[in-house]
């Protein structure tokens, strides 16, 4: 089962996005988004790649 916050994050990840951008778009705290992205990444639902100083996440 997927919670509302994680579902909202997944809905935004058509294109690679940073944690900060997602937090701003969803009006959530960046640490909250980071926790959700970590769980989604560990589940294999999103992938990540470093882009300079930030990490961008995208649905797999």
N, C-alpha and C. Protein backbone atom coordinates (compact mmCIF):
# COMPACT_ATOMS: atom_id res chain seq x y z
N UNK A 1 0.83 -1.18 0.00
CA UNK A 1 0.00 0.00 0.00
C UNK A 1 0.89 1.25 0.00
N UNK A 2 0.47 2.26 -0.73
CA UNK A 2 1.25 3.47 -0.89
C UNK A 2 0.51 4.64 -0.25
N UNK A 3 1.20 5.39 0.60
CA UNK A 3 0.59 6.54 1.25
C UNK A 3 0.39 7.70 0.30
N UNK A 4 -0.36 8.68 0.74
CA UNK A 4 -0.68 9.85 -0.09
C UNK A 4 0.57 10.64 -0.48
N UNK A 5 1.49 10.82 0.45
CA UNK A 5 2.70 11.60 0.15
C UNK A 5 3.57 10.89 -0.88
N UNK A 6 3.75 9.59 -0.72
CA UNK A 6 4.58 8.85 -1.68
C UNK A 6 3.91 8.78 -3.04
N UNK A 7 2.60 8.65 -3.07
CA UNK A 7 1.88 8.66 -4.34
C UNK A 7 2.03 10.01 -5.03
N UNK A 8 1.97 11.09 -4.27
CA UNK A 8 2.13 12.43 -4.84
C UNK A 8 3.55 12.62 -5.39
N UNK A 9 4.53 12.11 -4.67
CA UNK A 9 5.92 12.19 -5.14
C UNK A 9 6.06 11.44 -6.46
N UNK A 10 5.55 10.22 -6.51
CA UNK A 10 5.64 9.43 -7.74
C UNK A 10 4.95 10.11 -8.91
N UNK A 11 3.83 10.75 -8.65
CA UNK A 11 3.10 11.44 -9.71
C UNK A 11 3.91 12.58 -10.31
N UNK A 12 4.79 13.18 -9.52
CA UNK A 12 5.62 14.30 -10.00
C UNK A 12 6.85 13.86 -10.77
N UNK A 13 7.23 12.60 -10.65
CA UNK A 13 8.53 12.17 -11.16
C UNK A 13 8.51 11.68 -12.61
N UNK A 14 7.78 12.37 -13.48
CA UNK A 14 7.85 12.06 -14.91
C UNK A 14 9.24 12.41 -15.44
N UNK A 15 9.79 13.49 -14.93
CA UNK A 15 11.13 13.95 -15.29
C UNK A 15 11.99 13.94 -14.04
N UNK A 16 13.30 13.84 -14.18
CA UNK A 16 14.17 13.86 -13.00
C UNK A 16 14.00 15.16 -12.21
N UNK A 17 13.88 15.03 -10.90
CA UNK A 17 13.71 16.19 -10.02
C UNK A 17 14.54 16.03 -8.76
N UNK A 18 14.95 17.16 -8.23
CA UNK A 18 15.70 17.15 -6.98
C UNK A 18 14.74 17.11 -5.79
N UNK A 19 15.28 16.75 -4.66
CA UNK A 19 14.50 16.73 -3.42
C UNK A 19 13.93 18.11 -3.12
N UNK A 20 14.76 19.12 -3.28
CA UNK A 20 14.33 20.49 -2.97
C UNK A 20 13.18 20.92 -3.87
N UNK A 21 13.28 20.63 -5.16
CA UNK A 21 12.22 21.00 -6.09
C UNK A 21 10.92 20.27 -5.75
N UNK A 22 11.03 18.97 -5.48
CA UNK A 22 9.84 18.20 -5.11
C UNK A 22 9.19 18.75 -3.85
N UNK A 23 10.01 19.06 -2.86
CA UNK A 23 9.48 19.59 -1.60
C UNK A 23 8.72 20.89 -1.84
N UNK A 24 9.26 21.73 -2.68
CA UNK A 24 8.61 23.00 -3.01
C UNK A 24 7.29 22.75 -3.74
N UNK A 25 7.30 21.88 -4.72
CA UNK A 25 6.11 21.58 -5.51
C UNK A 25 4.99 20.98 -4.67
N UNK A 26 5.36 20.13 -3.72
CA UNK A 26 4.37 19.41 -2.92
C UNK A 26 4.08 20.07 -1.58
N UNK A 27 4.78 21.17 -1.31
CA UNK A 27 4.63 21.89 -0.04
C UNK A 27 4.86 20.96 1.15
N UNK A 28 5.95 20.19 1.05
CA UNK A 28 6.39 19.32 2.13
C UNK A 28 7.80 19.74 2.53
N UNK A 29 8.20 19.38 3.72
CA UNK A 29 9.57 19.66 4.17
C UNK A 29 10.54 18.77 3.39
N UNK A 30 11.69 19.33 3.05
CA UNK A 30 12.70 18.58 2.30
C UNK A 30 13.10 17.28 3.01
N UNK A 31 13.31 17.29 4.34
CA UNK A 31 13.66 16.03 5.00
C UNK A 31 12.56 14.96 4.87
N UNK A 32 11.32 15.39 4.86
CA UNK A 32 10.20 14.45 4.69
C UNK A 32 10.25 13.82 3.30
N UNK A 33 10.47 14.64 2.29
CA UNK A 33 10.57 14.14 0.92
C UNK A 33 11.75 13.20 0.80
N UNK A 34 12.86 13.55 1.43
CA UNK A 34 14.07 12.72 1.39
C UNK A 34 13.79 11.32 1.96
N UNK A 35 13.06 11.25 3.07
CA UNK A 35 12.73 9.95 3.68
C UNK A 35 11.87 9.12 2.73
N UNK A 36 10.88 9.75 2.12
CA UNK A 36 10.02 9.04 1.18
C UNK A 36 10.80 8.57 -0.05
N UNK A 37 11.66 9.44 -0.58
CA UNK A 37 12.46 9.06 -1.75
C UNK A 37 13.40 7.91 -1.43
N UNK A 38 13.97 7.91 -0.24
CA UNK A 38 14.86 6.82 0.16
C UNK A 38 14.10 5.50 0.17
N UNK A 39 12.90 5.50 0.73
CA UNK A 39 12.08 4.28 0.78
C UNK A 39 11.70 3.83 -0.63
N UNK A 40 11.31 4.77 -1.47
CA UNK A 40 10.94 4.43 -2.85
C UNK A 40 12.14 3.92 -3.64
N UNK A 41 13.30 4.49 -3.37
CA UNK A 41 14.53 4.05 -4.03
C UNK A 41 14.89 2.63 -3.60
N UNK A 42 14.80 2.36 -2.31
CA UNK A 42 15.11 1.03 -1.79
C UNK A 42 14.14 -0.02 -2.33
N UNK A 43 12.92 0.39 -2.61
CA UNK A 43 11.91 -0.52 -3.16
C UNK A 43 12.08 -0.70 -4.67
N UNK A 44 12.98 0.08 -5.28
CA UNK A 44 13.21 -0.04 -6.71
C UNK A 44 12.19 0.70 -7.57
N UNK A 45 11.42 1.58 -6.96
CA UNK A 45 10.38 2.31 -7.68
C UNK A 45 10.93 3.57 -8.33
N UNK A 46 11.95 4.16 -7.73
CA UNK A 46 12.59 5.33 -8.31
C UNK A 46 14.09 5.08 -8.41
N UNK A 47 14.70 5.75 -9.37
CA UNK A 47 16.16 5.70 -9.51
C UNK A 47 16.71 7.08 -9.20
N UNK A 48 17.99 7.13 -8.92
CA UNK A 48 18.62 8.41 -8.63
C UNK A 48 19.93 8.53 -9.39
N UNK A 49 20.30 9.78 -9.65
CA UNK A 49 21.60 10.04 -10.25
C UNK A 49 22.08 11.40 -9.78
N UNK A 50 23.37 11.50 -9.58
CA UNK A 50 23.97 12.75 -9.14
C UNK A 50 24.07 13.69 -10.33
N UNK A 51 23.72 14.95 -10.08
CA UNK A 51 23.81 16.00 -11.09
C UNK A 51 24.47 17.20 -10.43
N UNK A 52 25.79 17.24 -10.49
CA UNK A 52 26.52 18.30 -9.80
C UNK A 52 26.41 18.12 -8.30
N UNK A 53 25.87 19.13 -7.63
CA UNK A 53 25.74 19.07 -6.17
C UNK A 53 24.42 18.47 -5.71
N UNK A 54 23.52 18.19 -6.64
CA UNK A 54 22.23 17.64 -6.24
C UNK A 54 22.05 16.22 -6.77
N UNK A 55 21.04 15.56 -6.24
CA UNK A 55 20.66 14.22 -6.71
C UNK A 55 19.29 14.35 -7.32
N UNK A 56 19.12 13.81 -8.49
CA UNK A 56 17.84 13.85 -9.19
C UNK A 56 17.20 12.46 -9.14
N UNK A 57 15.91 12.44 -8.89
CA UNK A 57 15.16 11.20 -8.79
C UNK A 57 14.16 11.12 -9.93
N UNK A 58 13.91 9.88 -10.39
CA UNK A 58 12.95 9.65 -11.47
C UNK A 58 12.33 8.27 -11.27
N UNK A 59 11.07 8.14 -11.71
CA UNK A 59 10.43 6.81 -11.66
C UNK A 59 11.21 5.85 -12.54
N UNK A 60 11.29 4.60 -12.11
CA UNK A 60 11.98 3.59 -12.92
C UNK A 60 11.03 2.94 -13.89
